[in-house]
Amino acid sequence: MFEVGGDPVELGLVASLSRPGGNFTGVALQNAELGPKRLELLHQLVPTTTVAALINPANPNTVSLSKELEAAAASMGLQLHVLRAASDSDFDAAFQTIGDLHIGALFIGTDPFFNDRSTQLATMALHQAIPAIYQYRDFAAAGGLLSYGASYTEPMRLVGAYTGRVLKGEKPSDLPVQQSTKVELFINLRTAKTLGLTVPQTFLVQANEVIE
């Protein structure tokens, strides 16, 4: 049973969403596909024309994510700088580059390695006074400006339900891969004020939680 933030077919986990085959099935999250929307939200809130995208080159979604972000940035009139980090030691170099290039905002790509370091990334972004967006609430709660991504709890509920069905005798190969469509927006208003940003009321009413 899996929970994955990319396309499970593209990642080689299943033969197709409707007919997984083999011994695997699970839940696919929309986090990878939400990249352009994250960039759009960041652009709406931060008045800048230069944005950095931090991605993990070891992630199998890197190529598709980079292409989607470059296309989205071009449509918004943004200059996008793609930075790469695959280890903790790469973070210092990436944030040094952000400062050297006077980047106005930071988009952090979805990645399990980054998930485990969301507090560290939020702290570094706040220390450098760079408005940043990531996928999960932990990032905004730790001082990041915005979090926007797939629900953290809904996929676990769906996986739990599937696990129960398998334990009762159903075959994973007969259970279509479910797609979690619930998304959540978290805004750290305290960070916005520290960065001198005004958050429009339209943002606040959309948010699942405003952290003050």
C-alpha atoms as a PDB file:
ATOM      1  CA  MET A   1       0.000   0.000   0.000  1.00  0.00           C
ATOM      2  CA  PHE A   2       1.499   3.355  -1.003  1.00  0.00           C
ATOM      3  CA  GLU A   3       0.918   7.070  -0.660  1.00  0.00           C
ATOM      4  CA  VAL A   4       2.786   9.014  -3.322  1.00  0.00           C
ATOM      5  CA  GLY A   5       2.958  12.646  -4.413  1.00  0.00           C
ATOM      6  CA  GLY A   6       3.677  11.922  -8.085  1.00  0.00           C
ATOM      7  CA  ASP A   7       2.188   9.861 -10.880  1.00  0.00           C
ATOM      8  CA  PRO A   8       2.402   6.201  -9.710  1.00  0.00           C
ATOM      9  CA  VAL A   9       2.307   5.003 -13.332  1.00  0.00           C
ATOM     10  CA  GLU A  10       5.185   7.284 -14.332  1.00  0.00           C
ATOM     11  CA  LEU A  11       7.083   6.187 -11.219  1.00  0.00           C
ATOM     12  CA  GLY A  12       6.640   2.533 -12.192  1.00  0.00           C
ATOM     13  CA  LEU A  13       4.604   1.547  -9.139  1.00  0.00           C
ATOM     14  CA  VAL A  14       1.527   0.349 -11.046  1.00  0.00           C
ATOM     15  CA  ALA A  15       0.547  -0.531 -14.601  1.00  0.00           C
ATOM     16  CA  SER A  16      -2.373   1.913 -14.622  1.00  0.00           C
ATOM     17  CA  LEU A  17      -4.527   3.827 -12.141  1.00  0.00           C
ATOM     18  CA  SER A  18      -7.653   1.780 -12.856  1.00  0.00           C
ATOM     19  CA  ARG A  19      -5.882  -1.591 -13.032  1.00  0.00           C
ATOM     20  CA  PRO A  20      -2.774  -1.461 -10.818  1.00  0.00           C
ATOM     21  CA  GLY A  21      -1.718  -5.071 -11.358  1.00  0.00           C
ATOM     22  CA  GLY A  22       0.913  -6.709  -9.187  1.00  0.00           C
ATOM     23  CA  ASN A  23       0.737  -6.366  -5.421  1.00  0.00           C
ATOM     24  CA  PHE A  24       0.515  -2.581  -5.080  1.00  0.00           C
ATOM     25  CA  THR A  25      -2.200   0.012  -4.937  1.00  0.00           C
ATOM     26  CA  GLY A  26      -2.738   3.124  -2.865  1.00  0.00           C
ATOM     27  CA  VAL A  27      -3.335   6.846  -3.022  1.00  0.00           C
ATOM     28  CA  ALA A  28      -1.838   9.460  -5.350  1.00  0.00           C
ATOM     29  CA  LEU A  29      -1.590  13.041  -4.093  1.00  0.00           C
ATOM     30  CA  GLN A  30      -1.716  16.110  -6.307  1.00  0.00           C
ATOM     31  CA  ASN A  31       1.334  17.800  -4.798  1.00  0.00           C
ATOM     32  CA  ALA A  32       3.541  17.527  -7.875  1.00  0.00           C
ATOM     33  CA  GLU A  33       0.754  18.780 -10.165  1.00  0.00           C
ATOM     34  CA  LEU A  34       0.068  21.770  -7.906  1.00  0.00           C
ATOM     35  CA  GLY A  35       3.438  23.382  -8.615  1.00  0.00           C
ATOM     36  CA  PRO A  36       2.156  26.047 -11.053  1.00  0.00           C
ATOM     37  CA  LYS A  37      -0.675  26.954  -8.662  1.00  0.00           C
ATOM     38  CA  ARG A  38       1.813  27.370  -5.801  1.00  0.00           C
ATOM     39  CA  LEU A  39       3.890  29.663  -7.967  1.00  0.00           C
ATOM     40  CA  GLU A  40       0.786  31.651  -8.878  1.00  0.00           C
ATOM     41  CA  LEU A  41      -0.178  32.135  -5.211  1.00  0.00           C
ATOM     42  CA  LEU A  42       3.350  33.255  -4.357  1.00  0.00           C
ATOM     43  CA  HIS A  43       3.332  35.690  -7.266  1.00  0.00           C
ATOM     44  CA  GLN A  44      -0.032  37.131  -6.220  1.00  0.00           C
ATOM     45  CA  LEU A  45       1.206  37.854  -2.725  1.00  0.00           C
ATOM     46  CA  VAL A  46       4.793  38.942  -3.361  1.00  0.00           C
ATOM     47  CA  PRO A  47       5.496  41.910  -5.682  1.00  0.00           C
ATOM     48  CA  THR A  48       8.623  40.632  -7.414  1.00  0.00           C
ATOM     49  CA  THR A  49       9.729  39.591 -10.873  1.00  0.00           C
ATOM     50  CA  THR A  50      12.489  37.195  -9.787  1.00  0.00           C
ATOM     51  CA  VAL A  51      11.743  33.838  -8.170  1.00  0.00           C
ATOM     52  CA  ALA A  52      13.986  30.929  -7.233  1.00  0.00           C
ATOM     53  CA  ALA A  53      12.772  27.335  -7.384  1.00  0.00           C
ATOM     54  CA  LEU A  54      14.585  24.928  -5.064  1.00  0.00           C
ATOM     55  CA  ILE A  55      14.366  21.341  -6.308  1.00  0.00           C
ATOM     56  CA  ASN A  56      15.997  18.013  -5.531  1.00  0.00           C
ATOM     57  CA  PRO A  57      17.748  16.699  -8.663  1.00  0.00           C
ATOM     58  CA  ALA A  58      17.421  13.145  -7.314  1.00  0.00           C
ATOM     59  CA  ASN A  59      13.612  13.334  -7.400  1.00  0.00           C
ATOM     60  CA  PRO A  60      12.097  11.516 -10.420  1.00  0.00           C
ATOM     61  CA  ASN A  61       9.605  14.387 -10.864  1.00  0.00           C
ATOM     62  CA  THR A  62      12.356  16.989 -11.251  1.00  0.00           C
ATOM     63  CA  VAL A  63      12.314  17.260 -15.045  1.00  0.00           C
ATOM     64  CA  SER A  64       8.542  17.544 -15.387  1.00  0.00           C
ATOM     65  CA  LEU A  65       8.299  19.959 -12.441  1.00  0.00           C
ATOM     66  CA  SER A  66      11.021  22.215 -13.871  1.00  0.00           C
ATOM     67  CA  LYS A  67       9.304  22.366 -17.266  1.00  0.00           C
ATOM     68  CA  GLU A  68       5.919  23.151 -15.700  1.00  0.00           C
ATOM     69  CA  LEU A  69       7.401  25.878 -13.507  1.00  0.00           C
ATOM     70  CA  GLU A  70       9.327  27.454 -16.361  1.00  0.00           C
ATOM     71  CA  ALA A  71       6.162  27.583 -18.476  1.00  0.00           C
ATOM     72  CA  ALA A  72       4.121  28.997 -15.589  1.00  0.00           C
ATOM     73  CA  ALA A  73       6.779  31.585 -14.750  1.00  0.00           C
ATOM     74  CA  ALA A  74       6.958  32.725 -18.375  1.00  0.00           C
ATOM     75  CA  SER A  75       3.176  33.178 -18.500  1.00  0.00           C
ATOM     76  CA  MET A  76       3.364  35.385 -15.377  1.00  0.00           C
ATOM     77  CA  GLY A  77       6.311  37.415 -16.614  1.00  0.00           C
ATOM     78  CA  LEU A  78       8.616  36.042 -13.937  1.00  0.00           C
ATOM     79  CA  GLN A  79      12.317  35.337 -14.180  1.00  0.00           C
ATOM     80  CA  LEU A  80      12.841  31.874 -12.690  1.00  0.00           C
ATOM     81  CA  HIS A  81      16.148  30.661 -11.283  1.00  0.00           C
ATOM     82  CA  VAL A  82      16.269  26.894 -10.660  1.00  0.00           C
ATOM     83  CA  LEU A  83      18.458  25.908  -7.717  1.00  0.00           C
ATOM     84  CA  ARG A  84      19.269  22.339  -6.702  1.00  0.00           C
ATOM     85  CA  ALA A  85      19.743  20.691  -3.325  1.00  0.00           C
ATOM     86  CA  ALA A  86      20.138  16.988  -2.640  1.00  0.00           C
ATOM     87  CA  SER A  87      21.870  17.217   0.749  1.00  0.00           C
ATOM     88  CA  ASP A  88      21.913  19.467   3.812  1.00  0.00           C
ATOM     89  CA  SER A  89      25.197  21.010   2.693  1.00  0.00           C
ATOM     90  CA  ASP A  90      23.509  22.233  -0.503  1.00  0.00           C
ATOM     91  CA  PHE A  91      21.070  24.468   1.398  1.00  0.00           C
ATOM     92  CA  ASP A  92      23.684  27.032   2.425  1.00  0.00           C
ATOM     93  CA  ALA A  93      24.895  27.382  -1.165  1.00  0.00           C
ATOM     94  CA  ALA A  94      21.323  27.707  -2.462  1.00  0.00           C
ATOM     95  CA  PHE A  95      20.414  30.439   0.018  1.00  0.00           C
ATOM     96  CA  GLN A  96      23.716  32.190  -0.657  1.00  0.00           C
ATOM     97  CA  THR A  97      22.785  32.278  -4.350  1.00  0.00           C
ATOM     98  CA  ILE A  98      19.333  33.635  -3.476  1.00  0.00           C
ATOM     99  CA  GLY A  99      20.995  36.501  -1.639  1.00  0.00           C
ATOM    100  CA  ASP A 100      23.621  37.129  -4.308  1.00  0.00           C
ATOM    101  CA  LEU A 101      20.997  37.305  -7.067  1.00  0.00           C
ATOM    102  CA  HIS A 102      18.607  39.417  -4.963  1.00  0.00           C
ATOM    103  CA  ILE A 103      15.825  36.906  -5.508  1.00  0.00           C
ATOM    104  CA  GLY A 104      12.409  38.228  -4.462  1.00  0.00           C
ATOM    105  CA  ALA A 105      10.634  34.976  -3.545  1.00  0.00           C
ATOM    106  CA  LEU A 106      11.323  31.265  -3.119  1.00  0.00           C
ATOM    107  CA  PHE A 107       9.344  28.275  -4.398  1.00  0.00           C
ATOM    108  CA  ILE A 108      10.322  24.973  -2.789  1.00  0.00           C
ATOM    109  CA  GLY A 109       9.613  21.905  -4.911  1.00  0.00           C
ATOM    110  CA  THR A 110       7.852  18.878  -3.474  1.00  0.00           C
ATOM    111  CA  ASP A 111      10.245  16.216  -2.233  1.00  0.00           C
ATOM    112  CA  PRO A 112      10.453  13.736   0.693  1.00  0.00           C
ATOM    113  CA  PHE A 113      13.923  15.036   1.552  1.00  0.00           C
ATOM    114  CA  PHE A 114      12.525  18.566   1.863  1.00  0.00           C
ATOM    115  CA  ASN A 115       9.522  17.286   3.845  1.00  0.00           C
ATOM    116  CA  ASP A 116      11.842  16.095   6.607  1.00  0.00           C
ATOM    117  CA  ARG A 117      13.544  19.500   6.652  1.00  0.00           C
ATOM    118  CA  SER A 118      10.564  21.840   6.317  1.00  0.00           C
ATOM    119  CA  THR A 119      11.315  23.515   9.669  1.00  0.00           C
ATOM    120  CA  GLN A 120      14.956  24.041   8.682  1.00  0.00           C
ATOM    121  CA  LEU A 121      13.956  25.504   5.314  1.00  0.00           C
ATOM    122  CA  ALA A 122      11.346  27.778   6.878  1.00  0.00           C
ATOM    123  CA  THR A 123      13.896  29.039   9.415  1.00  0.00           C
ATOM    124  CA  MET A 124      16.483  29.720   6.721  1.00  0.00           C
ATOM    125  CA  ALA A 125      13.955  31.555   4.555  1.00  0.00           C
ATOM    126  CA  LEU A 126      12.796  33.702   7.469  1.00  0.00           C
ATOM    127  CA  HIS A 127      16.388  34.418   8.532  1.00  0.00           C
ATOM    128  CA  GLN A 128      17.137  35.667   5.027  1.00  0.00           C
ATOM    129  CA  ALA A 129      13.803  37.530   4.852  1.00  0.00           C
ATOM    130  CA  ILE A 130      12.757  35.680   1.698  1.00  0.00           C
ATOM    131  CA  PRO A 131       9.028  35.011   1.151  1.00  0.00           C
ATOM    132  CA  ALA A 132       8.681  31.278   0.514  1.00  0.00           C
ATOM    133  CA  ILE A 133       6.035  28.675  -0.236  1.00  0.00           C
ATOM    134  CA  TYR A 134       5.996  24.910   0.312  1.00  0.00           C
ATOM    135  CA  GLN A 135       3.412  22.151   0.380  1.00  0.00           C
ATOM    136  CA  TYR A 136       2.650  21.235   4.018  1.00  0.00           C
ATOM    137  CA  ARG A 137       1.385  23.126   7.071  1.00  0.00           C
ATOM    138  CA  ASP A 138       4.579  22.367   9.028  1.00  0.00           C
ATOM    139  CA  PHE A 139       6.437  24.801   6.795  1.00  0.00           C
ATOM    140  CA  ALA A 140       4.099  27.721   7.488  1.00  0.00           C
ATOM    141  CA  ALA A 141       3.884  26.820  11.169  1.00  0.00           C
ATOM    142  CA  ALA A 142       7.692  26.990  11.400  1.00  0.00           C
ATOM    143  CA  GLY A 143       7.810  30.506   9.922  1.00  0.00           C
ATOM    144  CA  GLY A 144       7.436  29.971   6.180  1.00  0.00           C
ATOM    145  CA  LEU A 145       5.109  32.457   4.509  1.00  0.00           C
ATOM    146  CA  LEU A 146       2.747  30.047   2.732  1.00  0.00           C
ATOM    147  CA  SER A 147       1.913  26.370   2.508  1.00  0.00           C
ATOM    148  CA  TYR A 148      -0.322  25.031  -0.256  1.00  0.00           C
ATOM    149  CA  GLY A 149      -0.719  21.397  -1.115  1.00  0.00           C
ATOM    150  CA  ALA A 150      -2.609  18.173  -0.790  1.00  0.00           C
ATOM    151  CA  SER A 151      -4.307  17.444   2.512  1.00  0.00           C
ATOM    152  CA  TYR A 152      -2.056  15.615   4.951  1.00  0.00           C
ATOM    153  CA  THR A 153      -4.873  13.703   6.641  1.00  0.00           C
ATOM    154  CA  GLU A 154      -7.158  12.689   3.747  1.00  0.00           C
ATOM    155  CA  PRO A 155      -4.611  10.350   2.057  1.00  0.00           C
ATOM    156  CA  MET A 156      -3.964   8.564   5.355  1.00  0.00           C
ATOM    157  CA  ARG A 157      -7.705   8.000   5.767  1.00  0.00           C
ATOM    158  CA  LEU A 158      -7.942   6.580   2.241  1.00  0.00           C
ATOM    159  CA  VAL A 159      -4.909   4.343   2.728  1.00  0.00           C
ATOM    160  CA  GLY A 160      -6.360   3.119   6.011  1.00  0.00           C
ATOM    161  CA  ALA A 161      -9.642   2.204   4.323  1.00  0.00           C
ATOM    162  CA  TYR A 162      -7.821   0.306   1.563  1.00  0.00           C
ATOM    163  CA  THR A 163      -5.649  -1.504   4.107  1.00  0.00           C
ATOM    164  CA  GLY A 164      -8.775  -2.702   5.852  1.00  0.00           C
ATOM    165  CA  ARG A 165     -10.196  -4.046   2.601  1.00  0.00           C
ATOM    166  CA  VAL A 166      -6.970  -5.916   1.799  1.00  0.00           C
ATOM    167  CA  LEU A 167      -6.901  -7.431   5.282  1.00  0.00           C
ATOM    168  CA  LYS A 168     -10.417  -8.698   4.630  1.00  0.00           C
ATOM    169  CA  GLY A 169      -9.239 -10.565   1.545  1.00  0.00           C
ATOM    170  CA  GLU A 170      -9.419  -8.165  -1.422  1.00  0.00           C
ATOM    171  CA  LYS A 171      -6.446  -8.113  -3.802  1.00  0.00           C
ATOM    172  CA  PRO A 172      -4.495  -4.844  -4.203  1.00  0.00           C
ATOM    173  CA  SER A 173      -4.414  -5.441  -7.963  1.00  0.00           C
ATOM    174  CA  ASP A 174      -8.231  -5.185  -8.021  1.00  0.00           C
ATOM    175  CA  LEU A 175      -8.333  -1.842  -6.163  1.00  0.00           C
ATOM    176  CA  PRO A 176      -7.914   1.235  -8.423  1.00  0.00           C
ATOM    177  CA  VAL A 177      -5.409   3.831  -7.286  1.00  0.00           C
ATOM    178  CA  GLN A 178      -7.352   6.565  -5.508  1.00  0.00           C
ATOM    179  CA  GLN A 179      -6.546  10.221  -6.083  1.00  0.00           C
ATOM    180  CA  SER A 180      -6.647  12.592  -3.145  1.00  0.00           C
ATOM    181  CA  THR A 181      -8.068  15.894  -4.422  1.00  0.00           C
ATOM    182  CA  LYS A 182      -8.398  17.894  -1.198  1.00  0.00           C
ATOM    183  CA  VAL A 183      -5.943  20.805  -1.028  1.00  0.00           C
ATOM    184  CA  GLU A 184      -5.161  23.129   1.864  1.00  0.00           C
ATOM    185  CA  LEU A 185      -3.785  26.668   2.170  1.00  0.00           C
ATOM    186  CA  PHE A 186      -1.984  27.938   5.273  1.00  0.00           C
ATOM    187  CA  ILE A 187      -0.759  31.501   5.729  1.00  0.00           C
ATOM    188  CA  ASN A 188       1.641  32.719   8.397  1.00  0.00           C
ATOM    189  CA  LEU A 189       0.379  36.250   8.979  1.00  0.00           C
ATOM    190  CA  ARG A 190       3.116  36.964  11.499  1.00  0.00           C
ATOM    191  CA  THR A 191       5.758  36.181   8.874  1.00  0.00           C
ATOM    192  CA  ALA A 192       3.935  38.306   6.294  1.00  0.00           C
ATOM    193  CA  LYS A 193       4.043  41.285   8.661  1.00  0.00           C
ATOM    194  CA  THR A 194       7.738  40.681   9.387  1.00  0.00           C
ATOM    195  CA  LEU A 195       8.416  40.704   5.633  1.00  0.00           C
ATOM    196  CA  GLY A 196       6.347  43.872   5.149  1.00  0.00           C
ATOM    197  CA  LEU A 197       3.695  42.108   3.062  1.00  0.00           C
ATOM    198  CA  THR A 198      -0.013  42.867   3.115  1.00  0.00           C
ATOM    199  CA  VAL A 199      -2.162  39.770   2.779  1.00  0.00           C
ATOM    200  CA  PRO A 200      -5.391  40.548   0.857  1.00  0.00           C
ATOM    201  CA  GLN A 201      -8.676  39.558   2.415  1.00  0.00           C
ATOM    202  CA  THR A 202      -9.253  37.205  -0.532  1.00  0.00           C
ATOM    203  CA  PHE A 203      -6.266  35.159   0.639  1.00  0.00           C
ATOM    204  CA  LEU A 204      -7.403  35.092   4.234  1.00  0.00           C
ATOM    205  CA  VAL A 205     -10.892  33.811   3.424  1.00  0.00           C
ATOM    206  CA  GLN A 206      -9.429  31.027   1.237  1.00  0.00           C
ATOM    207  CA  ALA A 207      -7.030  29.842   3.913  1.00  0.00           C
ATOM    208  CA  ASN A 208      -7.705  26.701   5.917  1.00  0.00           C
ATOM    209  CA  GLU A 209      -5.750  28.356   8.715  1.00  0.00           C
ATOM    210  CA  VAL A 210      -4.179  31.752   9.328  1.00  0.00           C
ATOM    211  CA  ILE A 211      -1.228  31.481  11.701  1.00  0.00           C
ATOM    212  CA  GLU A 212      -0.807  34.588  13.850  1.00  0.00           C
END
